[in-house]
Structure formats: structure tokens, C-alpha cells
């Protein structure tokens, strides 16, 4: 396995490709977009961070009572050592209350475009899995850009992962069955964690679940061009997030794969991956290419491109038929993975 983490050779300009119009949204999802756009516009600019920050409304952060689900889970916050020379990291731990043996675990990195969110968002689906499959959920709090640019966010996440694996017995976790998972920016951080764990000979991971992952800072794919100004998290929003994380190096030749995993030359030796994305979102093509490159490297990946899905559709319109199918596919993959 090569340890070279330099960026792949420059690609031909995406803008040179002949593109058709944007793919259509699923009708049920499209009907919900006007309401969603009242509080989450398609385009996010740096002056709009307040609508996305953790204390903003409608971010979906769960309280301890909601996380506990009527006593089904024991919920606690752990403060653990952060990266060398950096502040401690907070881990939110949700463990089935009646567990008496080590369980498989999901280590979760939250979304928010690298600029927003906290470790209490995005957990509803994970707790559904945890209830049905008897899992421990560990969700990491990481520092946000632009106040804390790369490598702060991913190093926080890695420090929390290493601590979790090293203290698995204390948390009631089977250290050989830790799956990392995240959506959007959290999906990008999840992919980066898989690369870091491989390269640093860190925790052995059972799988990586990449939900509409944010993995390519170049922001020049056909889907990013097609979906400009449409749906959720368009090309302008993507530029805002990546620039906050990387500053002037965004899109340049020296971006680390630990910041933007699509930059990694070597995708061999990674844990089995589940990758899903909507056909009508900015991240479509980078996600498809990433899964393809895992296969080309001899790895294992399951890829779903949900027709007519915009970014984060299953969380924003959870009762839509496409959303239900999406969540069921993730659950089936996780169940198969952990039954082997």
C-alpha cells in the first residue's frame, strides 16, 4: 500500500464538459422545497453563518430526554483529551440501558458544512439503528471553521475516535466492531478518519458510512455546476464551507486528503464503505467517483444514488417514500456488515 497522500493529477476543467439541465427533483421532495427554503436557502454565503450555527432554530439538536427515548438509552457526555496542544473533546455517548455485554458501536461525526452543527444533530436515525441492532452511539463534538480551520476539525474527530477505541471496554463497546458514520461534512470527516486510521495504524474499523459526503474542495464537478442555485447546499454554499475550512488554499494543489478525501491517491486498505447521495445535489459526482475509486483500488463499497434527491432530503422530508427507502438501505447494509 502506498503511503503517498499527494493530490491526484489535475483534472481537465469541468466547465469544458457539455451539460444538460439539472436532473429533476423527486415530486414529493420538490413539493417540500419552498417551505424548506424559508429557513435554509440553497446558497449560503459567509455573512449567513448565524442561520446555521448550533443555537439556530430548526437544526434538529436533541435533548438528553429525547436521546434517552423513555429510558431505552443511558446518555452521558464524556470529556476526553483532544489533539496534542489543543482543547479537550466532548463525546456524547448513548448506550442501550439494558446492555450487559460489549456491543458494536457507531462513531458519529455531525454535518453542517464544516461551519455549523454540534454532536446532538443527525442522531435520530442512528438511535433507530442502535435500538434495533443494539449498538452504542458515540457522537463527537469538533471545532468549527472558520474560527478553527483544517486540521482542527478532523484532528478533534480522530482524537475522539482513538480514545473511544482505547476505552472500548469502559464504554461497553466491542473494539472490533466500530463503524464510523456521518452525513455531509460529517461524511467527509468520516472518510478522512478512515484514511487517517489506515495511515496512522490507528483503530481497526469495521466500516464507514458516508451519507451525501462533502469530500472535494475543488467544487468543479458537473453536478456542482448543474445544481447551482437549486436544492440545498449549492455551489455557492459549498465554496463558503470549503473556504472557511481551507482559506486561500481551497482548490489549489496542496490540499490534504485529510481535509478533502477526494484528493487521496490511494484508496486501498479501507474498511467497507456505504456511500449514498441524491441525483439532484452538488455532491453527486464526487460521491460516485469516490465509490468507484474504492472499487478500482480493490476495496468494498455499496453505492446508492437516490433519484431526484436533494442534499439531506431524507432528514428534511423524512416521511417521503424516497426518504424511507434511503434509510432502509442504510439499515440493511449496517445489519449485514455487523452480522458477519
Protein backbone atom coordinates (compact mmCIF):
# COMPACT_ATOMS: atom_id res chain seq x y z
CA UNK A 1 0.00 0.00 0.00
CA UNK A 2 1.40 3.36 -0.97
CA UNK A 3 1.76 5.98 1.73
CA UNK A 4 1.81 8.82 -0.80
CA UNK A 5 -1.02 11.18 0.05
CA UNK A 6 -0.36 13.81 -2.58
CA UNK A 7 -3.23 15.07 -4.70
CA UNK A 8 -4.19 13.23 -7.89
CA UNK A 9 -3.10 14.79 -11.15
CA UNK A 10 -5.05 17.91 -12.10
CA UNK A 11 -8.26 17.19 -13.95
CA UNK A 12 -9.44 18.81 -17.12
CA UNK A 13 -11.76 21.74 -16.41
CA UNK A 14 -15.24 20.51 -15.65
CA UNK A 15 -16.71 23.58 -17.28
CA UNK A 16 -15.44 22.30 -20.63
CA UNK A 17 -17.97 19.46 -20.50
CA UNK A 18 -21.32 19.84 -22.21
CA UNK A 19 -24.01 19.65 -19.54
CA UNK A 20 -27.74 19.35 -19.76
CA UNK A 21 -30.14 20.99 -17.40
CA UNK A 22 -30.37 19.89 -13.77
CA UNK A 23 -31.92 16.49 -13.09
CA UNK A 24 -35.46 16.81 -11.76
CA UNK A 25 -36.31 16.61 -8.10
CA UNK A 26 -38.49 13.79 -6.85
CA UNK A 27 -42.04 15.24 -6.95
CA UNK A 28 -42.74 14.57 -3.28
CA UNK A 29 -39.46 16.22 -2.27
CA UNK A 30 -39.91 19.13 -4.67
CA UNK A 31 -43.23 19.98 -3.04
CA UNK A 32 -41.42 20.48 0.28
CA UNK A 33 -38.60 22.67 -1.02
CA UNK A 34 -40.41 26.06 -0.88
CA UNK A 35 -41.08 25.59 2.83
CA UNK A 36 -37.53 24.37 3.48
CA UNK A 37 -36.11 27.39 1.66
CA UNK A 38 -37.86 29.68 4.12
CA UNK A 39 -35.22 28.75 6.71
CA UNK A 40 -32.46 27.02 4.69
CA UNK A 41 -31.67 28.79 1.40
CA UNK A 42 -29.92 26.92 -1.40
CA UNK A 43 -26.99 29.35 -1.35
CA UNK A 44 -25.12 30.12 1.87
CA UNK A 45 -22.65 32.98 1.99
CA UNK A 46 -20.19 33.77 4.81
CA UNK A 47 -22.42 36.50 6.23
CA UNK A 48 -25.21 33.95 6.79
CA UNK A 49 -23.45 31.71 9.33
CA UNK A 50 -25.88 32.66 12.09
CA UNK A 51 -28.71 30.70 10.48
CA UNK A 52 -26.62 27.52 10.64
CA UNK A 53 -24.84 27.83 13.97
CA UNK A 54 -25.66 25.30 16.73
CA UNK A 55 -28.06 27.59 18.59
CA UNK A 56 -30.01 28.45 15.46
CA UNK A 57 -33.60 27.15 15.18
CA UNK A 58 -34.52 24.02 13.23
CA UNK A 59 -31.07 22.41 13.42
CA UNK A 60 -32.54 19.27 14.97
CA UNK A 61 -30.36 19.05 18.09
CA UNK A 62 -31.81 16.51 20.51
CA UNK A 63 -32.14 16.97 24.26
CA UNK A 64 -30.99 14.34 26.77
CA UNK A 65 -34.63 13.34 27.26
CA UNK A 66 -35.11 12.84 23.53
CA UNK A 67 -31.87 10.90 23.25
CA UNK A 68 -32.84 8.63 26.15
CA UNK A 69 -36.07 7.58 24.40
CA UNK A 70 -38.02 6.84 27.51
CA UNK A 71 -35.16 5.12 29.28
CA UNK A 72 -34.07 2.94 26.36
CA UNK A 73 -30.63 4.60 26.34
CA UNK A 74 -28.26 5.78 29.02
CA UNK A 75 -26.93 9.18 27.91
CA UNK A 76 -23.74 10.85 29.11
CA UNK A 77 -21.17 13.40 27.99
CA UNK A 78 -17.51 12.46 28.25
CA UNK A 79 -14.68 14.98 28.06
CA UNK A 80 -11.58 13.33 26.63
CA UNK A 81 -8.11 14.51 25.58
CA UNK A 82 -8.03 16.36 22.28
CA UNK A 83 -5.16 16.56 19.81
CA UNK A 84 -1.74 17.45 21.19
CA UNK A 85 -1.74 21.05 22.36
CA UNK A 86 -5.45 21.51 21.66
CA UNK A 87 -8.52 21.64 23.91
CA UNK A 88 -10.31 18.54 25.17
CA UNK A 89 -13.00 16.95 23.03
CA UNK A 90 -16.57 16.23 24.11
CA UNK A 91 -18.14 12.87 23.28
CA UNK A 92 -21.86 12.23 23.59
CA UNK A 93 -22.38 8.55 24.45
CA UNK A 94 -25.75 6.80 24.08
CA UNK A 95 -25.74 3.18 25.25
CA UNK A 96 -28.68 0.77 25.47
CA UNK A 97 -29.73 0.85 29.10
CA UNK A 98 -30.09 -2.91 29.47
CA UNK A 99 -26.79 -3.84 27.81
CA UNK A 100 -24.63 -6.25 29.80
CA UNK A 101 -22.13 -7.33 27.12
CA UNK A 102 -19.84 -5.39 24.76
CA UNK A 103 -21.79 -4.05 21.79
CA UNK A 104 -20.93 -2.83 18.32
CA UNK A 105 -20.72 0.95 18.06
CA UNK A 106 -21.27 3.82 15.66
CA UNK A 107 -18.79 6.68 15.96
CA UNK A 108 -20.63 9.68 14.53
CA UNK A 109 -19.31 12.92 13.02
CA UNK A 110 -22.04 15.51 12.54
CA UNK A 111 -22.79 17.56 9.44
CA UNK A 112 -23.01 21.31 8.98
CA UNK A 113 -20.72 22.21 6.09
CA UNK A 114 -17.68 22.40 8.42
CA UNK A 115 -19.12 25.68 9.74
CA UNK A 116 -22.09 24.65 11.87
CA UNK A 117 -23.72 21.87 13.87
CA UNK A 118 -22.98 20.00 17.06
CA UNK A 119 -22.82 16.43 18.28
CA UNK A 120 -26.56 16.31 19.02
CA UNK A 121 -27.76 16.71 15.43
CA UNK A 122 -28.26 13.87 12.98
CA UNK A 123 -28.75 11.28 15.73
CA UNK A 124 -32.40 10.29 15.28
CA UNK A 125 -31.67 7.74 12.55
CA UNK A 126 -28.62 6.41 14.37
CA UNK A 127 -30.63 5.81 17.52
CA UNK A 128 -33.19 3.91 15.45
CA UNK A 129 -30.37 1.64 14.30
CA UNK A 130 -28.99 1.42 17.82
CA UNK A 131 -32.34 0.33 19.19
CA UNK A 132 -32.91 -2.35 16.56
CA UNK A 133 -29.33 -3.65 16.35
CA UNK A 134 -28.28 -2.95 19.95
CA UNK A 135 -25.47 -0.51 19.33
CA UNK A 136 -23.63 2.15 21.29
CA UNK A 137 -23.64 5.57 19.62
CA UNK A 138 -20.71 7.92 20.25
CA UNK A 139 -21.02 11.40 18.69
CA UNK A 140 -18.02 13.72 18.67
CA UNK A 141 -18.00 17.49 19.15
CA UNK A 142 -15.35 19.11 16.94
CA UNK A 143 -14.15 22.68 16.49
CA UNK A 144 -15.77 24.55 13.60
CA UNK A 145 -14.33 26.63 10.77
CA UNK A 146 -13.62 29.43 10.04
CA UNK A 147 -12.57 30.06 13.65
CA UNK A 148 -10.78 26.70 13.61
CA UNK A 149 -9.63 25.78 10.10
CA UNK A 150 -8.11 22.50 8.97
CA UNK A 151 -6.71 20.40 10.58
CA UNK A 152 -8.59 21.26 13.80
CA UNK A 153 -11.94 19.60 12.94
CA UNK A 154 -10.57 16.30 11.67
CA UNK A 155 -7.89 16.07 14.37
CA UNK A 156 -10.58 16.53 17.03
CA UNK A 157 -12.60 13.74 15.44
CA UNK A 158 -9.57 11.45 15.26
CA UNK A 159 -8.60 12.11 18.87
CA UNK A 160 -12.13 11.17 19.94
CA UNK A 161 -12.05 8.02 17.82
CA UNK A 162 -8.71 6.88 19.26
CA UNK A 163 -9.95 7.49 22.81
CA UNK A 164 -13.17 5.59 22.10
CA UNK A 165 -11.28 2.58 20.75
CA UNK A 166 -8.76 2.61 23.60
CA UNK A 167 -11.55 2.85 26.21
CA UNK A 168 -13.94 0.46 24.48
CA UNK A 169 -14.21 -1.84 27.50
CA UNK A 170 -15.11 1.10 29.75
CA UNK A 171 -17.86 2.15 27.31
CA UNK A 172 -19.16 -1.39 26.79
CA UNK A 173 -18.02 -1.43 23.16
CA UNK A 174 -16.59 -4.30 21.14
CA UNK A 175 -13.45 -2.65 19.71
CA UNK A 176 -13.52 -4.88 16.63
CA UNK A 177 -16.99 -3.65 15.63
CA UNK A 178 -16.72 0.13 15.46
CA UNK A 179 -18.38 1.69 12.41
CA UNK A 180 -17.72 5.34 11.60
CA UNK A 181 -20.59 7.34 10.13
CA UNK A 182 -21.53 10.86 9.13
CA UNK A 183 -23.56 12.97 6.72
CA UNK A 184 -22.48 15.89 4.55
CA UNK A 185 -19.42 17.49 6.19
CA UNK A 186 -19.67 14.63 8.68
CA UNK A 187 -19.46 12.21 5.76
CA UNK A 188 -16.30 13.93 4.59
CA UNK A 189 -14.81 13.75 8.08
CA UNK A 190 -15.79 10.09 8.26
CA UNK A 191 -13.95 9.36 5.01
CA UNK A 192 -10.95 11.28 6.33
CA UNK A 193 -10.99 9.28 9.57
CA UNK A 194 -10.83 6.04 7.57
CA UNK A 195 -7.76 7.37 5.74
CA UNK A 196 -6.12 8.57 8.96
CA UNK A 197 -6.78 5.32 10.83
CA UNK A 198 -5.22 3.39 7.95
CA UNK A 199 -2.18 5.64 7.58
CA UNK A 200 -1.51 6.12 11.30
CA UNK A 201 -2.18 2.47 12.08
CA UNK A 202 -4.96 3.59 14.37
CA UNK A 203 -8.21 1.88 15.35
CA UNK A 204 -9.33 -1.05 13.23
CA UNK A 205 -12.68 -0.02 11.75
CA UNK A 206 -15.49 -2.36 10.79
CA UNK A 207 -16.99 0.00 8.20
CA UNK A 208 -17.54 3.57 7.06
CA UNK A 209 -20.98 5.01 6.29
CA UNK A 210 -20.72 8.08 4.06
CA UNK A 211 -24.05 9.88 3.67
CA UNK A 212 -24.02 12.56 0.94
CA UNK A 213 -20.36 13.18 1.81
CA UNK A 214 -18.59 16.52 1.35
CA UNK A 215 -15.19 15.33 0.10
CA UNK A 216 -13.92 17.53 -2.77
CA UNK A 217 -12.85 21.13 -2.21
CA UNK A 218 -12.45 21.81 -5.93
CA UNK A 219 -16.20 22.36 -6.34
CA UNK A 220 -15.99 21.81 -10.12
CA UNK A 221 -17.92 18.61 -10.81
CA UNK A 222 -20.76 18.52 -13.35
CA UNK A 223 -23.27 18.12 -10.53
CA UNK A 224 -21.95 21.20 -8.74
CA UNK A 225 -22.46 23.20 -11.92
CA UNK A 226 -25.85 21.71 -12.75
CA UNK A 227 -27.31 22.34 -9.30
CA UNK A 228 -26.07 25.91 -8.79
CA UNK A 229 -28.79 27.91 -7.04
CA UNK A 230 -31.01 24.85 -6.61
CA UNK A 231 -31.96 22.46 -3.85
CA UNK A 232 -29.94 22.51 -0.63
CA UNK A 233 -26.23 23.39 -0.27
CA UNK A 234 -25.45 24.55 -3.79
CA UNK A 235 -22.10 25.52 -5.29
CA UNK A 236 -22.01 28.89 -3.51
CA UNK A 237 -22.69 27.26 -0.15
CA UNK A 238 -20.03 24.67 -0.91
CA UNK A 239 -17.49 27.39 -1.64
CA UNK A 240 -18.40 29.05 1.64
CA UNK A 241 -17.81 25.87 3.62
CA UNK A 242 -14.58 24.87 1.93
CA UNK A 243 -13.12 28.38 2.06
CA UNK A 244 -13.89 28.57 5.77
CA UNK A 245 -12.01 25.31 6.28
CA UNK A 246 -9.07 25.87 3.91
CA UNK A 247 -8.82 29.61 3.27
CA UNK A 248 -6.83 30.56 0.20
CA UNK A 249 -5.58 27.02 -0.37
CA UNK A 250 -9.06 25.82 -1.38
CA UNK A 251 -8.95 24.30 -4.85
CA UNK A 252 -5.17 24.56 -5.03
CA UNK A 253 -2.55 21.84 -5.49
CA UNK A 254 -1.60 21.29 -1.84
CA UNK A 255 -4.86 20.35 -0.12
CA UNK A 256 -4.53 17.40 2.24
CA UNK A 257 -6.70 14.32 1.72
CA UNK A 258 -7.41 14.52 5.44
CA UNK A 259 -9.27 17.75 4.63
CA UNK A 260 -10.74 16.67 1.28
CA UNK A 261 -10.66 12.86 0.92
CA UNK A 262 -11.26 13.03 -2.85
CA UNK A 263 -7.65 14.25 -3.03
CA UNK A 264 -6.27 10.91 -1.80
CA UNK A 265 -4.35 8.97 -4.44
CA UNK A 266 -4.57 5.66 -2.61
CA UNK A 267 -7.98 4.32 -1.53
CA UNK A 268 -6.80 0.79 -0.85
CA UNK A 269 -6.90 -0.84 2.56
CA UNK A 270 -10.01 1.00 3.74
CA UNK A 271 -12.92 -0.52 5.67
CA UNK A 272 -16.07 -1.48 3.74
CA UNK A 273 -17.98 1.62 2.69
CA UNK A 274 -21.59 2.56 2.19
CA UNK A 275 -21.93 5.69 0.04
CA UNK A 276 -25.20 7.36 -0.83
CA UNK A 277 -26.15 10.65 -2.43
CA UNK A 278 -29.04 12.29 -4.29
CA UNK A 279 -29.04 12.59 -8.07
CA UNK A 280 -30.04 16.27 -7.78
CA UNK A 281 -27.38 17.60 -5.42
CA UNK A 282 -23.95 19.19 -5.54
CA UNK A 283 -22.13 16.16 -4.11
CA UNK A 284 -23.49 13.57 -6.57
CA UNK A 285 -20.46 13.21 -8.82
CA UNK A 286 -17.76 13.37 -6.17
CA UNK A 287 -19.55 10.66 -4.16
CA UNK A 288 -19.98 8.40 -7.20
CA UNK A 289 -16.33 8.88 -8.16
CA UNK A 290 -15.16 8.09 -4.63
CA UNK A 291 -17.06 4.81 -4.52
CA UNK A 292 -15.76 3.92 -7.99
CA UNK A 293 -12.19 4.59 -6.92
CA UNK A 294 -12.62 2.34 -3.85
CA UNK A 295 -13.65 -0.47 -6.21
CA UNK A 296 -10.75 0.32 -8.53
CA UNK A 297 -8.40 0.00 -5.55
CA UNK A 298 -9.80 -3.45 -4.79
CA UNK A 299 -12.00 -2.33 -1.92
CA UNK A 300 -15.61 -2.89 -0.97
CA UNK A 301 -18.30 -0.24 -1.38
CA UNK A 302 -22.05 -0.12 -1.75
CA UNK A 303 -23.27 2.92 -3.70
CA UNK A 304 -26.78 4.37 -3.92
CA UNK A 305 -27.75 7.39 -6.00
CA UNK A 306 -31.27 8.34 -4.99
CA UNK A 307 -33.26 9.63 -7.99
CA UNK A 308 -34.45 13.19 -7.51
CA UNK A 309 -32.92 13.55 -4.08
CA UNK A 310 -31.55 16.92 -2.99
CA UNK A 311 -28.91 17.30 -0.28
CA UNK A 312 -30.12 15.97 3.07
CA UNK A 313 -33.57 15.15 1.71
CA UNK A 314 -34.19 12.18 3.99
CA UNK A 315 -33.70 14.27 7.12
CA UNK A 316 -35.63 17.28 5.84
CA UNK A 317 -38.55 15.32 4.39
CA UNK A 318 -38.44 12.12 6.45
CA UNK A 319 -41.90 10.84 5.53
CA UNK A 320 -41.34 10.88 1.76
CA UNK A 321 -41.26 7.48 0.10
CA UNK A 322 -37.73 8.07 -1.19
CA UNK A 323 -36.56 9.01 2.30
CA UNK A 324 -37.97 5.80 3.76
CA UNK A 325 -36.25 3.72 1.07
CA UNK A 326 -32.99 5.55 1.73
CA UNK A 327 -32.98 4.90 5.46
CA UNK A 328 -33.95 1.27 4.94
CA UNK A 329 -30.99 0.72 2.58
CA UNK A 330 -28.55 2.11 5.15
CA UNK A 331 -30.04 -0.06 7.88
CA UNK A 332 -29.82 -3.20 5.75
CA UNK A 333 -26.16 -2.52 4.94
CA UNK A 334 -25.30 -1.95 8.59
CA UNK A 335 -27.15 -5.07 9.67
CA UNK A 336 -25.32 -7.18 7.07
CA UNK A 337 -21.97 -5.67 7.99
CA UNK A 338 -22.35 -6.36 11.69
CA UNK A 339 -23.73 -9.86 11.24
CA UNK A 340 -20.55 -11.13 9.57
